[in-house]
């Protein structure tokens, strides 16, 4: 039996929050126990009250003033009591039905980290923004060159890794670039990494998508800095 903390940061996701957590709730995988930690990053809509009315959907609810997704992720990791950390966005772009794929390399091969890839023969991928894909390819390429890896999709939401490989107090970023810092730290601390295909249902900006093209610069800086100034 392995234990997995599902970290769900959210900010103003009243339209999708309950639905995604209901999807998480129904995941039953032999040999895997889930702990759900929801982190409210200072939502100003009804997200928090909706969730407080459904305590059956989570094990822990953390509230904080609006400090960004990175701060929410840190808070969730610190509150975790499981062996593994799994990130889950509060929208519907990624389907928890893929948890069985993500945990397979762990239960079968003892993987240190598994990334979900939208580019490795997924069953279904919604067509999304061209420049987002180009940016993702550039980010993945540079990350692979610097870290001597072969990931195809490092900015997929789905990443699961051994909690012991990451000290959240040492994270120095709080923005969208934090994901790259986390992956770099885990890769340097671990040994066995896998990718699995996942489906993707990307939403448009009109539907609430938050990441913008300019975020790529902070991500690239974080990846390169991690090489020039080794992460300890």
Protein backbone atom coordinates (compact mmCIF):
# COMPACT_ATOMS: atom_id res chain seq x y z
CA UNK A 1 0.00 0.00 0.00
CA UNK A 2 1.31 3.46 -0.92
CA UNK A 3 -0.18 6.74 0.26
CA UNK A 4 -0.68 9.75 -2.01
CA UNK A 5 -1.56 13.32 -1.05
CA UNK A 6 -3.55 14.98 -3.81
CA UNK A 7 -2.73 18.69 -3.62
CA UNK A 8 -5.57 20.86 -5.01
CA UNK A 9 -4.82 24.61 -4.95
CA UNK A 10 -7.69 26.81 -6.09
CA UNK A 11 -8.59 30.45 -6.64
CA UNK A 12 -12.08 31.42 -7.80
CA UNK A 13 -12.99 28.04 -9.27
CA UNK A 14 -16.66 27.89 -8.21
CA UNK A 15 -17.71 26.47 -11.58
CA UNK A 16 -15.48 23.40 -11.50
CA UNK A 17 -14.15 22.84 -7.96
CA UNK A 18 -16.84 20.49 -6.68
CA UNK A 19 -16.96 18.54 -9.92
CA UNK A 20 -13.21 17.91 -10.00
CA UNK A 21 -13.14 16.84 -6.35
CA UNK A 22 -16.03 14.46 -6.97
CA UNK A 23 -13.92 12.92 -9.73
CA UNK A 24 -10.98 12.60 -7.35
CA UNK A 25 -13.21 11.04 -4.68
CA UNK A 26 -14.28 8.11 -6.84
CA UNK A 27 -10.75 7.00 -7.74
CA UNK A 28 -10.14 3.54 -6.29
CA UNK A 29 -6.79 1.93 -7.12
CA UNK A 30 -5.61 -1.32 -5.52
CA UNK A 31 -2.60 -0.67 -3.31
CA UNK A 32 -3.07 3.12 -3.28
CA UNK A 33 -4.58 5.28 -0.51
CA UNK A 34 -5.42 8.92 -1.26
CA UNK A 35 -5.40 11.96 0.99
CA UNK A 36 -7.03 15.09 -0.51
CA UNK A 37 -5.72 18.49 0.55
CA UNK A 38 -7.53 21.55 -0.84
CA UNK A 39 -5.90 24.97 -0.52
CA UNK A 40 -7.95 28.13 -0.99
CA UNK A 41 -5.66 30.91 -2.21
CA UNK A 42 -7.92 33.72 -1.01
CA UNK A 43 -10.86 33.12 -3.35
CA UNK A 44 -13.32 36.00 -3.66
CA UNK A 45 -16.13 33.95 -5.19
CA UNK A 46 -18.18 31.15 -3.57
CA UNK A 47 -15.48 28.49 -3.99
CA UNK A 48 -14.70 28.19 -0.29
CA UNK A 49 -18.30 28.09 0.91
CA UNK A 50 -19.20 25.50 -1.72
CA UNK A 51 -16.35 23.32 -0.50
CA UNK A 52 -17.15 23.81 3.17
CA UNK A 53 -20.60 22.42 2.41
CA UNK A 54 -18.98 19.24 1.03
CA UNK A 55 -16.53 18.06 3.71
CA UNK A 56 -16.81 14.55 2.31
CA UNK A 57 -14.68 15.61 -0.67
CA UNK A 58 -11.44 16.39 1.16
CA UNK A 59 -9.35 15.43 4.16
CA UNK A 60 -7.90 18.87 4.82
CA UNK A 61 -8.93 22.38 3.79
CA UNK A 62 -6.31 25.11 4.10
CA UNK A 63 -7.20 28.77 3.67
CA UNK A 64 -4.74 31.60 3.08
CA UNK A 65 -4.69 35.13 1.78
CA UNK A 66 -4.12 35.45 -1.95
CA UNK A 67 -0.42 34.64 -2.33
CA UNK A 68 -0.30 32.78 -5.64
CA UNK A 69 -0.44 29.15 -6.70
CA UNK A 70 3.14 28.53 -5.55
CA UNK A 71 2.38 29.51 -1.97
CA UNK A 72 -0.70 27.29 -2.03
CA UNK A 73 1.34 24.36 -3.31
CA UNK A 74 3.90 24.85 -0.52
CA UNK A 75 1.14 24.90 2.10
CA UNK A 76 -0.35 21.71 0.69
CA UNK A 77 2.96 19.85 0.65
CA UNK A 78 3.69 20.89 4.24
CA UNK A 79 0.28 19.60 5.35
CA UNK A 80 0.75 16.27 3.58
CA UNK A 81 1.12 13.08 5.59
CA UNK A 82 1.52 10.72 2.62
CA UNK A 83 4.55 9.19 0.91
CA UNK A 84 3.81 10.75 -2.47
CA UNK A 85 2.61 14.14 -3.69
CA UNK A 86 0.26 14.45 -6.67
CA UNK A 87 -0.77 17.80 -8.13
CA UNK A 88 -4.35 18.35 -9.29
CA UNK A 89 -5.60 21.63 -10.78
CA UNK A 90 -9.10 22.66 -9.71
CA UNK A 91 -10.39 23.08 -13.26
CA UNK A 92 -11.42 20.24 -15.57
CA UNK A 93 -8.40 20.25 -17.91
CA UNK A 94 -7.01 17.05 -16.39
CA UNK A 95 -9.04 13.97 -15.51
CA UNK A 96 -8.42 12.08 -12.24
CA UNK A 97 -9.36 8.92 -14.14
CA UNK A 98 -5.69 9.00 -15.21
CA UNK A 99 -4.50 8.42 -11.62
CA UNK A 100 -4.25 4.71 -12.31
CA UNK A 101 -1.77 5.42 -15.11
CA UNK A 102 0.24 7.80 -12.94
CA UNK A 103 0.53 5.37 -10.04
CA UNK A 104 1.32 2.29 -12.14
CA UNK A 105 5.10 2.96 -12.44
CA UNK A 106 5.18 3.54 -8.67
CA UNK A 107 3.38 0.38 -7.58
CA UNK A 108 5.12 -1.76 -10.20
CA UNK A 109 8.62 -0.26 -10.44
CA UNK A 110 9.08 1.98 -7.41
CA UNK A 111 9.31 5.16 -9.47
CA UNK A 112 10.58 8.31 -7.75
CA UNK A 113 8.55 10.57 -10.05
CA UNK A 114 5.98 10.12 -12.80
CA UNK A 115 4.86 12.85 -15.21
CA UNK A 116 1.71 12.76 -17.25
CA UNK A 117 2.31 13.67 -20.88
CA UNK A 118 -0.21 15.10 -23.32
CA UNK A 119 2.11 14.13 -26.17
CA UNK A 120 2.68 10.39 -25.58
CA UNK A 121 -0.29 8.75 -27.33
CA UNK A 122 -3.09 10.12 -25.12
CA UNK A 123 -6.56 8.75 -25.62
CA UNK A 124 -7.95 12.26 -26.05
CA UNK A 125 -6.54 15.80 -26.27
CA UNK A 126 -8.55 18.94 -26.83
CA UNK A 127 -6.94 21.17 -29.47
CA UNK A 128 -5.56 24.24 -27.71
CA UNK A 129 -3.34 27.28 -28.29
CA UNK A 130 -0.53 26.81 -30.83
CA UNK A 131 1.92 29.09 -29.05
CA UNK A 132 1.30 27.32 -25.75
CA UNK A 133 2.46 24.08 -27.37
CA UNK A 134 5.52 25.78 -28.90
CA UNK A 135 6.37 27.31 -25.51
CA UNK A 136 5.91 23.95 -23.80
CA UNK A 137 8.22 22.27 -26.31
CA UNK A 138 10.89 24.91 -25.74
CA UNK A 139 10.63 24.62 -21.96
CA UNK A 140 10.81 20.81 -22.09
CA UNK A 141 13.77 20.87 -24.47
CA UNK A 142 15.83 23.22 -22.30
CA UNK A 143 14.91 21.33 -19.13
CA UNK A 144 16.00 18.06 -20.75
CA UNK A 145 19.31 19.50 -21.98
CA UNK A 146 20.15 20.91 -18.56
CA UNK A 147 19.01 17.90 -16.54
CA UNK A 148 19.93 15.13 -19.03
CA UNK A 149 16.36 13.81 -19.18
CA UNK A 150 13.91 12.96 -21.97
CA UNK A 151 10.55 14.30 -20.75
CA UNK A 152 8.10 15.31 -23.45
CA UNK A 153 5.78 17.53 -21.41
CA UNK A 154 7.23 19.03 -18.22
CA UNK A 155 4.43 21.60 -17.89
CA UNK A 156 1.66 19.10 -17.69
CA UNK A 157 -0.25 19.57 -14.44
CA UNK A 158 0.10 15.90 -13.53
CA UNK A 159 3.26 15.16 -11.58
CA UNK A 160 3.53 12.63 -8.76
CA UNK A 161 6.74 12.20 -6.75
CA UNK A 162 8.15 10.96 -3.47
CA UNK A 163 7.61 13.59 -0.82
CA UNK A 164 10.99 12.77 0.75
CA UNK A 165 12.75 14.11 -2.36
CA UNK A 166 11.54 17.68 -1.85
CA UNK A 167 11.81 20.09 1.07
CA UNK A 168 9.11 22.74 0.50
CA UNK A 169 10.94 25.17 2.79
CA UNK A 170 13.79 25.30 0.26
CA UNK A 171 11.58 26.34 -2.66
CA UNK A 172 12.49 29.88 -3.69
CA UNK A 173 9.77 30.52 -6.28
CA UNK A 174 6.05 31.16 -5.87
CA UNK A 175 4.79 31.76 -9.40
CA UNK A 176 4.07 29.51 -12.38
CA UNK A 177 7.82 28.85 -12.56
CA UNK A 178 7.70 26.92 -9.30
CA UNK A 179 6.68 23.76 -11.16
CA UNK A 180 10.02 23.79 -13.01
CA UNK A 181 11.90 24.28 -9.76
CA UNK A 182 10.08 21.36 -8.12
CA UNK A 183 10.83 19.03 -11.04
CA UNK A 184 14.49 20.06 -11.09
CA UNK A 185 14.89 19.41 -7.37
CA UNK A 186 13.15 16.03 -7.56
CA UNK A 187 15.18 14.93 -10.60
CA UNK A 188 18.43 15.75 -8.82
CA UNK A 189 17.40 14.00 -5.63
CA UNK A 190 15.88 10.86 -7.20
CA UNK A 191 16.84 8.14 -9.66
CA UNK A 192 13.89 6.62 -11.51
CA UNK A 193 11.49 8.76 -13.56
CA UNK A 194 8.64 7.76 -15.86
CA UNK A 195 6.12 9.33 -18.22
CA UNK A 196 2.62 8.06 -18.94
CA UNK A 197 0.01 9.26 -21.46
CA UNK A 198 -2.82 11.39 -20.09
CA UNK A 199 -5.84 13.01 -21.69
CA UNK A 200 -6.17 16.78 -21.78
CA UNK A 201 -9.24 18.99 -21.96
CA UNK A 202 -7.66 22.44 -22.09
CA UNK A 203 -9.92 25.40 -21.48
CA UNK A 204 -9.83 28.79 -23.18
CA UNK A 205 -9.13 32.12 -21.50
CA UNK A 206 -12.85 32.83 -21.70
CA UNK A 207 -13.42 29.64 -19.72
CA UNK A 208 -10.97 30.71 -17.02
CA UNK A 209 -7.48 29.69 -18.16
CA UNK A 210 -4.93 31.71 -16.17
CA UNK A 211 -1.43 31.00 -17.49
CA UNK A 212 -0.19 33.53 -20.08
CA UNK A 213 2.56 33.51 -22.71
CA UNK A 214 4.81 35.85 -20.71
CA UNK A 215 5.12 33.28 -17.91
CA UNK A 216 7.57 31.34 -20.11
CA UNK A 217 10.35 33.80 -19.33
CA UNK A 218 10.22 33.20 -15.57
CA UNK A 219 10.06 29.45 -16.21
CA UNK A 220 13.13 29.50 -18.46
CA UNK A 221 15.01 31.65 -15.97
CA UNK A 222 14.22 29.20 -13.19
CA UNK A 223 15.38 26.21 -15.25
CA UNK A 224 18.64 27.89 -16.25
CA UNK A 225 19.31 29.30 -12.78
CA UNK A 226 18.94 25.84 -11.35
CA UNK A 227 21.94 24.80 -13.48
CA UNK A 228 24.12 27.87 -13.04
CA UNK A 229 23.37 28.11 -9.32
CA UNK A 230 23.00 24.47 -8.26
CA UNK A 231 19.91 23.77 -6.20
CA UNK A 232 20.80 22.44 -2.76
